[in-house]
């Protein structure tokens, strides 16, 4: 629009110059000004004005048909909370002279497509026939963990766990105590079809509490199934 305004100002300027020139040529005879010259001025001015209108109309049409800028793409909305939760866990079974039955359900939340955090519960029944009488105990506890996917099938895992064990003192007395663990490691995920995953992981406890049932820096391997991970 500023270009059109400049153009019309130019037209008006040159029309005035032409008229002044013609009047200067005939100023001595202004009252009896030649109608033929006036006609020439009128025709010339009309042509210039029409040319300017045509240019303005063309520019206006071009401006009107120009497509409006595309709206900015909306940010991808996060999926509902239900779709960001995943469930899983594992079960441990050992039979023989040493019997161990364990359940380890978990639930977690995806904060981002790669980073998630959750909680896991633990219950174990243990019976050891190497002792007389046989040693029997129930262990229970829970943990908080985080996972970070490096690749679709590989992830890092960190977990803080507290487990209540039945222990024995030096004089043979039984007592229960909470034992802390801090696991670090990683795992491998294999899609089983649909939204189900098989998870295999290897962890190491870096606290090494004296009450821990694991040997020093013993790798703790587990296999579990998850839905949504």
C-alpha atoms as a PDB file:
ATOM      1  CA  UNK A   1       0.000   0.000   0.000  1.00  0.00           C
ATOM      2  CA  UNK A   2       2.918   2.396   0.658  1.00  0.00           C
ATOM      3  CA  UNK A   3       4.149   1.766  -2.909  1.00  0.00           C
ATOM      4  CA  UNK A   4       0.718   2.678  -4.349  1.00  0.00           C
ATOM      5  CA  UNK A   5       0.576   5.876  -2.285  1.00  0.00           C
ATOM      6  CA  UNK A   6       4.016   6.857  -3.550  1.00  0.00           C
ATOM      7  CA  UNK A   7       2.917   6.158  -7.131  1.00  0.00           C
ATOM      8  CA  UNK A   8      -0.194   8.353  -6.868  1.00  0.00           C
ATOM      9  CA  UNK A   9       1.809  11.161  -5.317  1.00  0.00           C
ATOM     10  CA  UNK A  10       4.114  10.959  -8.320  1.00  0.00           C
ATOM     11  CA  UNK A  11       1.161  11.098 -10.720  1.00  0.00           C
ATOM     12  CA  UNK A  12      -0.228  14.162  -8.992  1.00  0.00           C
ATOM     13  CA  UNK A  13       3.192  15.821  -9.113  1.00  0.00           C
ATOM     14  CA  UNK A  14       3.648  15.333 -12.868  1.00  0.00           C
ATOM     15  CA  UNK A  15       0.081  16.363 -13.690  1.00  0.00           C
ATOM     16  CA  UNK A  16       0.644  19.632 -11.822  1.00  0.00           C
ATOM     17  CA  UNK A  17       3.932  20.156 -13.669  1.00  0.00           C
ATOM     18  CA  UNK A  18       2.247  19.645 -17.030  1.00  0.00           C
ATOM     19  CA  UNK A  19      -0.586  22.022 -16.186  1.00  0.00           C
ATOM     20  CA  UNK A  20       1.807  24.690 -14.936  1.00  0.00           C
ATOM     21  CA  UNK A  21       3.901  24.293 -18.081  1.00  0.00           C
ATOM     22  CA  UNK A  22       0.877  24.764 -20.315  1.00  0.00           C
ATOM     23  CA  UNK A  23      -0.254  27.747 -18.297  1.00  0.00           C
ATOM     24  CA  UNK A  24       3.215  29.230 -18.489  1.00  0.00           C
ATOM     25  CA  UNK A  25       3.104  28.960 -22.268  1.00  0.00           C
ATOM     26  CA  UNK A  26      -0.214  30.720 -22.379  1.00  0.00           C
ATOM     27  CA  UNK A  27      -0.064  32.987 -19.309  1.00  0.00           C
ATOM     28  CA  UNK A  28      -0.248  36.095 -21.428  1.00  0.00           C
ATOM     29  CA  UNK A  29      -3.456  34.817 -22.896  1.00  0.00           C
ATOM     30  CA  UNK A  30      -4.886  32.993 -19.852  1.00  0.00           C
ATOM     31  CA  UNK A  31      -8.447  34.219 -20.300  1.00  0.00           C
ATOM     32  CA  UNK A  32      -8.550  33.070 -23.910  1.00  0.00           C
ATOM     33  CA  UNK A  33      -6.708  29.840 -23.150  1.00  0.00           C
ATOM     34  CA  UNK A  34      -6.704  27.512 -26.164  1.00  0.00           C
ATOM     35  CA  UNK A  35      -9.338  24.815 -25.649  1.00  0.00           C
ATOM     36  CA  UNK A  36      -7.325  22.435 -27.818  1.00  0.00           C
ATOM     37  CA  UNK A  37      -4.374  22.659 -25.399  1.00  0.00           C
ATOM     38  CA  UNK A  38      -6.694  22.131 -22.451  1.00  0.00           C
ATOM     39  CA  UNK A  39      -8.051  19.048 -24.146  1.00  0.00           C
ATOM     40  CA  UNK A  40      -4.511  17.728 -24.584  1.00  0.00           C
ATOM     41  CA  UNK A  41      -3.766  18.292 -20.919  1.00  0.00           C
ATOM     42  CA  UNK A  42      -7.010  16.607 -19.899  1.00  0.00           C
ATOM     43  CA  UNK A  43      -6.379  13.580 -22.134  1.00  0.00           C
ATOM     44  CA  UNK A  44      -2.757  13.221 -20.964  1.00  0.00           C
ATOM     45  CA  UNK A  45      -3.700  13.527 -17.302  1.00  0.00           C
ATOM     46  CA  UNK A  46      -6.548  11.045 -17.736  1.00  0.00           C
ATOM     47  CA  UNK A  47      -4.218   8.507 -19.362  1.00  0.00           C
ATOM     48  CA  UNK A  48      -1.676   8.841 -16.544  1.00  0.00           C
ATOM     49  CA  UNK A  49      -4.425   8.524 -13.937  1.00  0.00           C
ATOM     50  CA  UNK A  50      -5.940   5.447 -15.632  1.00  0.00           C
ATOM     51  CA  UNK A  51      -2.498   3.851 -15.850  1.00  0.00           C
ATOM     52  CA  UNK A  52      -2.002   4.417 -12.116  1.00  0.00           C
ATOM     53  CA  UNK A  53      -5.438   2.956 -11.316  1.00  0.00           C
ATOM     54  CA  UNK A  54      -4.636  -0.130 -13.401  1.00  0.00           C
ATOM     55  CA  UNK A  55      -1.339  -0.645 -11.561  1.00  0.00           C
ATOM     56  CA  UNK A  56      -3.063  -0.173  -8.204  1.00  0.00           C
ATOM     57  CA  UNK A  57      -5.828  -2.638  -9.088  1.00  0.00           C
ATOM     58  CA  UNK A  58      -3.309  -5.248 -10.240  1.00  0.00           C
ATOM     59  CA  UNK A  59      -1.249  -4.881  -7.060  1.00  0.00           C
ATOM     60  CA  UNK A  60      -4.370  -5.130  -4.901  1.00  0.00           C
ATOM     61  CA  UNK A  61      -5.466  -8.327  -6.634  1.00  0.00           C
ATOM     62  CA  UNK A  62      -2.035  -9.855  -6.146  1.00  0.00           C
ATOM     63  CA  UNK A  63      -2.157  -8.981  -2.451  1.00  0.00           C
ATOM     64  CA  UNK A  64      -5.616 -10.515  -2.103  1.00  0.00           C
ATOM     65  CA  UNK A  65      -4.751 -13.811  -3.807  1.00  0.00           C
ATOM     66  CA  UNK A  66      -1.530 -14.314  -1.877  1.00  0.00           C
ATOM     67  CA  UNK A  67      -2.039 -17.242   0.471  1.00  0.00           C
ATOM     68  CA  UNK A  68      -2.123 -16.441   4.125  1.00  0.00           C
ATOM     69  CA  UNK A  69       0.877 -17.696   6.068  1.00  0.00           C
ATOM     70  CA  UNK A  70       0.372 -21.179   7.394  1.00  0.00           C
ATOM     71  CA  UNK A  71      -0.491 -21.382  11.037  1.00  0.00           C
ATOM     72  CA  UNK A  72       2.215 -22.666  13.263  1.00  0.00           C
ATOM     73  CA  UNK A  73       1.950 -26.341  13.818  1.00  0.00           C
ATOM     74  CA  UNK A  74       0.400 -27.099  17.144  1.00  0.00           C
ATOM     75  CA  UNK A  75       2.646 -28.776  19.619  1.00  0.00           C
ATOM     76  CA  UNK A  76       2.108 -32.461  19.816  1.00  0.00           C
ATOM     77  CA  UNK A  77      -0.171 -33.091  22.741  1.00  0.00           C
ATOM     78  CA  UNK A  78       0.952 -35.494  25.395  1.00  0.00           C
ATOM     79  CA  UNK A  79      -1.004 -38.753  25.499  1.00  0.00           C
ATOM     80  CA  UNK A  80      -3.540 -39.239  28.308  1.00  0.00           C
ATOM     81  CA  UNK A  81      -2.289 -40.392  31.695  1.00  0.00           C
ATOM     82  CA  UNK A  82      -3.682 -43.865  31.101  1.00  0.00           C
ATOM     83  CA  UNK A  83      -1.493 -44.259  28.031  1.00  0.00           C
ATOM     84  CA  UNK A  84       1.602 -43.078  29.914  1.00  0.00           C
ATOM     85  CA  UNK A  85       1.339 -45.742  32.591  1.00  0.00           C
ATOM     86  CA  UNK A  86       2.917 -49.136  32.180  1.00  0.00           C
ATOM     87  CA  UNK A  87       2.725 -52.255  34.289  1.00  0.00           C
ATOM     88  CA  UNK A  88       4.881 -55.286  34.695  1.00  0.00           C
ATOM     89  CA  UNK A  89       7.034 -57.207  37.074  1.00  0.00           C
ATOM     90  CA  UNK A  90       8.323 -60.687  37.514  1.00  0.00           C
ATOM     91  CA  UNK A  91       7.982 -63.891  39.449  1.00  0.00           C
ATOM     92  CA  UNK A  92      10.728 -66.041  40.895  1.00  0.00           C
ATOM     93  CA  UNK A  93      10.377 -69.786  41.412  1.00  0.00           C
ATOM     94  CA  UNK A  94      13.003 -72.083  42.898  1.00  0.00           C
ATOM     95  CA  UNK A  95      12.228 -75.570  44.168  1.00  0.00           C
ATOM     96  CA  UNK A  96      14.270 -78.276  45.845  1.00  0.00           C
ATOM     97  CA  UNK A  97      16.262 -78.228  49.050  1.00  0.00           C
ATOM     98  CA  UNK A  98      16.077 -74.458  48.748  1.00  0.00           C
ATOM     99  CA  UNK A  99      12.621 -73.161  47.897  1.00  0.00           C
ATOM    100  CA  UNK A 100      11.965 -69.593  46.920  1.00  0.00           C
ATOM    101  CA  UNK A 101       8.752 -68.097  45.579  1.00  0.00           C
ATOM    102  CA  UNK A 102       8.815 -64.403  44.774  1.00  0.00           C
ATOM    103  CA  UNK A 103       6.368 -61.878  43.337  1.00  0.00           C
ATOM    104  CA  UNK A 104       7.593 -58.479  42.091  1.00  0.00           C
ATOM    105  CA  UNK A 105       4.778 -56.375  40.554  1.00  0.00           C
ATOM    106  CA  UNK A 106       5.544 -52.851  39.386  1.00  0.00           C
ATOM    107  CA  UNK A 107       3.798 -49.781  37.999  1.00  0.00           C
ATOM    108  CA  UNK A 108       5.493 -46.815  36.347  1.00  0.00           C
ATOM    109  CA  UNK A 109       4.750 -43.532  34.608  1.00  0.00           C
ATOM    110  CA  UNK A 110       6.359 -42.177  31.434  1.00  0.00           C
ATOM    111  CA  UNK A 111       7.389 -38.580  32.074  1.00  0.00           C
ATOM    112  CA  UNK A 112       8.782 -38.427  28.524  1.00  0.00           C
ATOM    113  CA  UNK A 113       8.923 -41.036  25.743  1.00  0.00           C
ATOM    114  CA  UNK A 114      12.372 -42.043  27.056  1.00  0.00           C
ATOM    115  CA  UNK A 115      12.327 -41.305  30.791  1.00  0.00           C
ATOM    116  CA  UNK A 116      10.057 -43.077  33.265  1.00  0.00           C
ATOM    117  CA  UNK A 117       9.815 -43.705  36.977  1.00  0.00           C
ATOM    118  CA  UNK A 118       7.787 -45.973  39.173  1.00  0.00           C
ATOM    119  CA  UNK A 119       7.482 -48.229  42.166  1.00  0.00           C
ATOM    120  CA  UNK A 120       7.860 -51.953  42.708  1.00  0.00           C
ATOM    121  CA  UNK A 121       6.609 -54.234  45.477  1.00  0.00           C
ATOM    122  CA  UNK A 122       8.260 -57.390  46.680  1.00  0.00           C
ATOM    123  CA  UNK A 123       7.151 -60.510  48.487  1.00  0.00           C
ATOM    124  CA  UNK A 124       9.224 -63.668  48.873  1.00  0.00           C
ATOM    125  CA  UNK A 125       8.661 -66.931  50.643  1.00  0.00           C
ATOM    126  CA  UNK A 126      11.895 -68.773  51.437  1.00  0.00           C
ATOM    127  CA  UNK A 127      12.467 -72.253  52.850  1.00  0.00           C
ATOM    128  CA  UNK A 128      15.930 -73.739  53.283  1.00  0.00           C
ATOM    129  CA  UNK A 129      16.129 -77.442  54.161  1.00  0.00           C
ATOM    130  CA  UNK A 130      19.884 -77.355  54.678  1.00  0.00           C
ATOM    131  CA  UNK A 131      19.207 -76.319  58.235  1.00  0.00           C
ATOM    132  CA  UNK A 132      17.687 -78.427  60.991  1.00  0.00           C
ATOM    133  CA  UNK A 133      15.014 -77.465  61.636  1.00  0.00           C
ATOM    134  CA  UNK A 134      14.384 -75.983  58.182  1.00  0.00           C
ATOM    135  CA  UNK A 135      14.669 -72.244  57.884  1.00  0.00           C
ATOM    136  CA  UNK A 136      11.478 -70.521  56.762  1.00  0.00           C
ATOM    137  CA  UNK A 137      10.924 -66.827  56.236  1.00  0.00           C
ATOM    138  CA  UNK A 138       8.842 -64.252  54.427  1.00  0.00           C
ATOM    139  CA  UNK A 139      10.565 -61.198  52.987  1.00  0.00           C
ATOM    140  CA  UNK A 140       8.702 -58.094  51.886  1.00  0.00           C
ATOM    141  CA  UNK A 141       9.481 -54.577  50.784  1.00  0.00           C
ATOM    142  CA  UNK A 142       9.314 -52.041  48.019  1.00  0.00           C
ATOM    143  CA  UNK A 143      11.391 -49.803  45.819  1.00  0.00           C
ATOM    144  CA  UNK A 144      11.437 -46.675  43.686  1.00  0.00           C
ATOM    145  CA  UNK A 145      13.105 -46.832  40.295  1.00  0.00           C
ATOM    146  CA  UNK A 146      13.810 -44.848  37.143  1.00  0.00           C
ATOM    147  CA  UNK A 147      14.500 -46.001  33.606  1.00  0.00           C
ATOM    148  CA  UNK A 148      15.927 -44.216  30.616  1.00  0.00           C
ATOM    149  CA  UNK A 149      15.728 -45.648  27.103  1.00  0.00           C
ATOM    150  CA  UNK A 150      18.982 -45.281  25.203  1.00  0.00           C
ATOM    151  CA  UNK A 151      17.546 -47.143  22.211  1.00  0.00           C
ATOM    152  CA  UNK A 152      14.184 -48.814  21.560  1.00  0.00           C
ATOM    153  CA  UNK A 153      15.502 -52.096  23.012  1.00  0.00           C
ATOM    154  CA  UNK A 154      18.110 -50.901  25.543  1.00  0.00           C
ATOM    155  CA  UNK A 155      17.560 -48.959  28.759  1.00  0.00           C
ATOM    156  CA  UNK A 156      19.406 -47.820  31.879  1.00  0.00           C
ATOM    157  CA  UNK A 157      17.959 -48.653  35.288  1.00  0.00           C
ATOM    158  CA  UNK A 158      18.494 -47.224  38.793  1.00  0.00           C
ATOM    159  CA  UNK A 159      16.537 -48.392  41.831  1.00  0.00           C
ATOM    160  CA  UNK A 160      16.474 -47.840  45.581  1.00  0.00           C
ATOM    161  CA  UNK A 161      14.944 -50.749  47.497  1.00  0.00           C
ATOM    162  CA  UNK A 162      14.212 -51.574  51.123  1.00  0.00           C
ATOM    163  CA  UNK A 163      13.493 -55.190  52.072  1.00  0.00           C
ATOM    164  CA  UNK A 164      12.493 -56.541  55.451  1.00  0.00           C
ATOM    165  CA  UNK A 165      14.375 -59.785  56.152  1.00  0.00           C
ATOM    166  CA  UNK A 166      14.274 -62.248  58.999  1.00  0.00           C
ATOM    167  CA  UNK A 167      17.848 -62.397  60.305  1.00  0.00           C
ATOM    168  CA  UNK A 168      19.759 -64.197  63.021  1.00  0.00           C
ATOM    169  CA  UNK A 169      22.016 -62.733  65.674  1.00  0.00           C
ATOM    170  CA  UNK A 170      25.318 -64.299  66.769  1.00  0.00           C
ATOM    171  CA  UNK A 171      23.586 -66.122  69.622  1.00  0.00           C
ATOM    172  CA  UNK A 172      20.988 -67.599  67.267  1.00  0.00           C
ATOM    173  CA  UNK A 173      18.129 -65.275  68.067  1.00  0.00           C
ATOM    174  CA  UNK A 174      15.832 -64.297  65.222  1.00  0.00           C
ATOM    175  CA  UNK A 175      14.977 -60.693  64.468  1.00  0.00           C
ATOM    176  CA  UNK A 176      13.706 -58.686  61.515  1.00  0.00           C
ATOM    177  CA  UNK A 177      15.452 -55.728  59.956  1.00  0.00           C
ATOM    178  CA  UNK A 178      15.189 -53.485  56.909  1.00  0.00           C
ATOM    179  CA  UNK A 179      18.082 -53.893  54.487  1.00  0.00           C
ATOM    180  CA  UNK A 180      18.781 -51.143  51.905  1.00  0.00           C
ATOM    181  CA  UNK A 181      19.837 -51.739  48.305  1.00  0.00           C
ATOM    182  CA  UNK A 182      20.758 -49.330  45.562  1.00  0.00           C
ATOM    183  CA  UNK A 183      20.817 -51.034  42.182  1.00  0.00           C
ATOM    184  CA  UNK A 184      22.324 -49.667  38.986  1.00  0.00           C
ATOM    185  CA  UNK A 185      22.522 -51.378  35.642  1.00  0.00           C
ATOM    186  CA  UNK A 186      20.573 -51.813  32.470  1.00  0.00           C
ATOM    187  CA  UNK A 187      18.276 -54.043  30.544  1.00  0.00           C
ATOM    188  CA  UNK A 188      17.123 -55.308  27.188  1.00  0.00           C
ATOM    189  CA  UNK A 189      13.507 -55.156  25.977  1.00  0.00           C
ATOM    190  CA  UNK A 190      11.994 -57.401  23.347  1.00  0.00           C
ATOM    191  CA  UNK A 191       8.538 -56.700  21.957  1.00  0.00           C
ATOM    192  CA  UNK A 192       6.260 -59.717  22.232  1.00  0.00           C
ATOM    193  CA  UNK A 193       3.578 -58.245  20.013  1.00  0.00           C
ATOM    194  CA  UNK A 194       1.104 -55.480  20.602  1.00  0.00           C
ATOM    195  CA  UNK A 195       1.910 -53.598  23.790  1.00  0.00           C
ATOM    196  CA  UNK A 196       3.659 -56.444  25.635  1.00  0.00           C
ATOM    197  CA  UNK A 197       7.398 -56.493  26.316  1.00  0.00           C
ATOM    198  CA  UNK A 198       9.881 -59.000  27.689  1.00  0.00           C
ATOM    199  CA  UNK A 199      12.481 -57.293  29.894  1.00  0.00           C
ATOM    200  CA  UNK A 200      15.824 -58.815  30.873  1.00  0.00           C
ATOM    201  CA  UNK A 201      18.098 -56.795  33.117  1.00  0.00           C
ATOM    202  CA  UNK A 202      21.356 -57.028  35.052  1.00  0.00           C
ATOM    203  CA  UNK A 203      21.833 -54.901  38.180  1.00  0.00           C
ATOM    204  CA  UNK A 204      24.546 -54.373  40.788  1.00  0.00           C
ATOM    205  CA  UNK A 205      24.017 -53.279  44.392  1.00  0.00           C
ATOM    206  CA  UNK A 206      26.396 -50.434  45.252  1.00  0.00           C
ATOM    207  CA  UNK A 207      25.492 -50.218  48.973  1.00  0.00           C
ATOM    208  CA  UNK A 208      26.702 -53.716  49.889  1.00  0.00           C
ATOM    209  CA  UNK A 209      24.973 -53.753  53.272  1.00  0.00           C
ATOM    210  CA  UNK A 210      26.267 -56.493  55.641  1.00  0.00           C
ATOM    211  CA  UNK A 211      22.730 -57.862  55.931  1.00  0.00           C
ATOM    212  CA  UNK A 212      22.375 -58.306  52.172  1.00  0.00           C
ATOM    213  CA  UNK A 213      21.843 -61.890  50.982  1.00  0.00           C
ATOM    214  CA  UNK A 214      23.954 -61.201  47.872  1.00  0.00           C
ATOM    215  CA  UNK A 215      27.674 -61.783  47.641  1.00  0.00           C
ATOM    216  CA  UNK A 216      29.990 -58.821  47.043  1.00  0.00           C
ATOM    217  CA  UNK A 217      29.253 -57.272  43.635  1.00  0.00           C
ATOM    218  CA  UNK A 218      27.173 -60.255  42.625  1.00  0.00           C
ATOM    219  CA  UNK A 219      25.232 -59.465  39.411  1.00  0.00           C
ATOM    220  CA  UNK A 220      21.502 -59.620  40.033  1.00  0.00           C
ATOM    221  CA  UNK A 221      19.764 -60.887  36.919  1.00  0.00           C
ATOM    222  CA  UNK A 222      16.017 -60.866  36.403  1.00  0.00           C
ATOM    223  CA  UNK A 223      13.481 -61.474  33.666  1.00  0.00           C
ATOM    224  CA  UNK A 224      10.011 -59.966  33.614  1.00  0.00           C
ATOM    225  CA  UNK A 225       7.097 -59.024  31.409  1.00  0.00           C
ATOM    226  CA  UNK A 226       5.693 -55.530  31.004  1.00  0.00           C
ATOM    227  CA  UNK A 227       2.687 -53.943  29.322  1.00  0.00           C
ATOM    228  CA  UNK A 228       3.090 -50.452  27.886  1.00  0.00           C
ATOM    229  CA  UNK A 229       6.842 -50.103  28.337  1.00  0.00           C
END
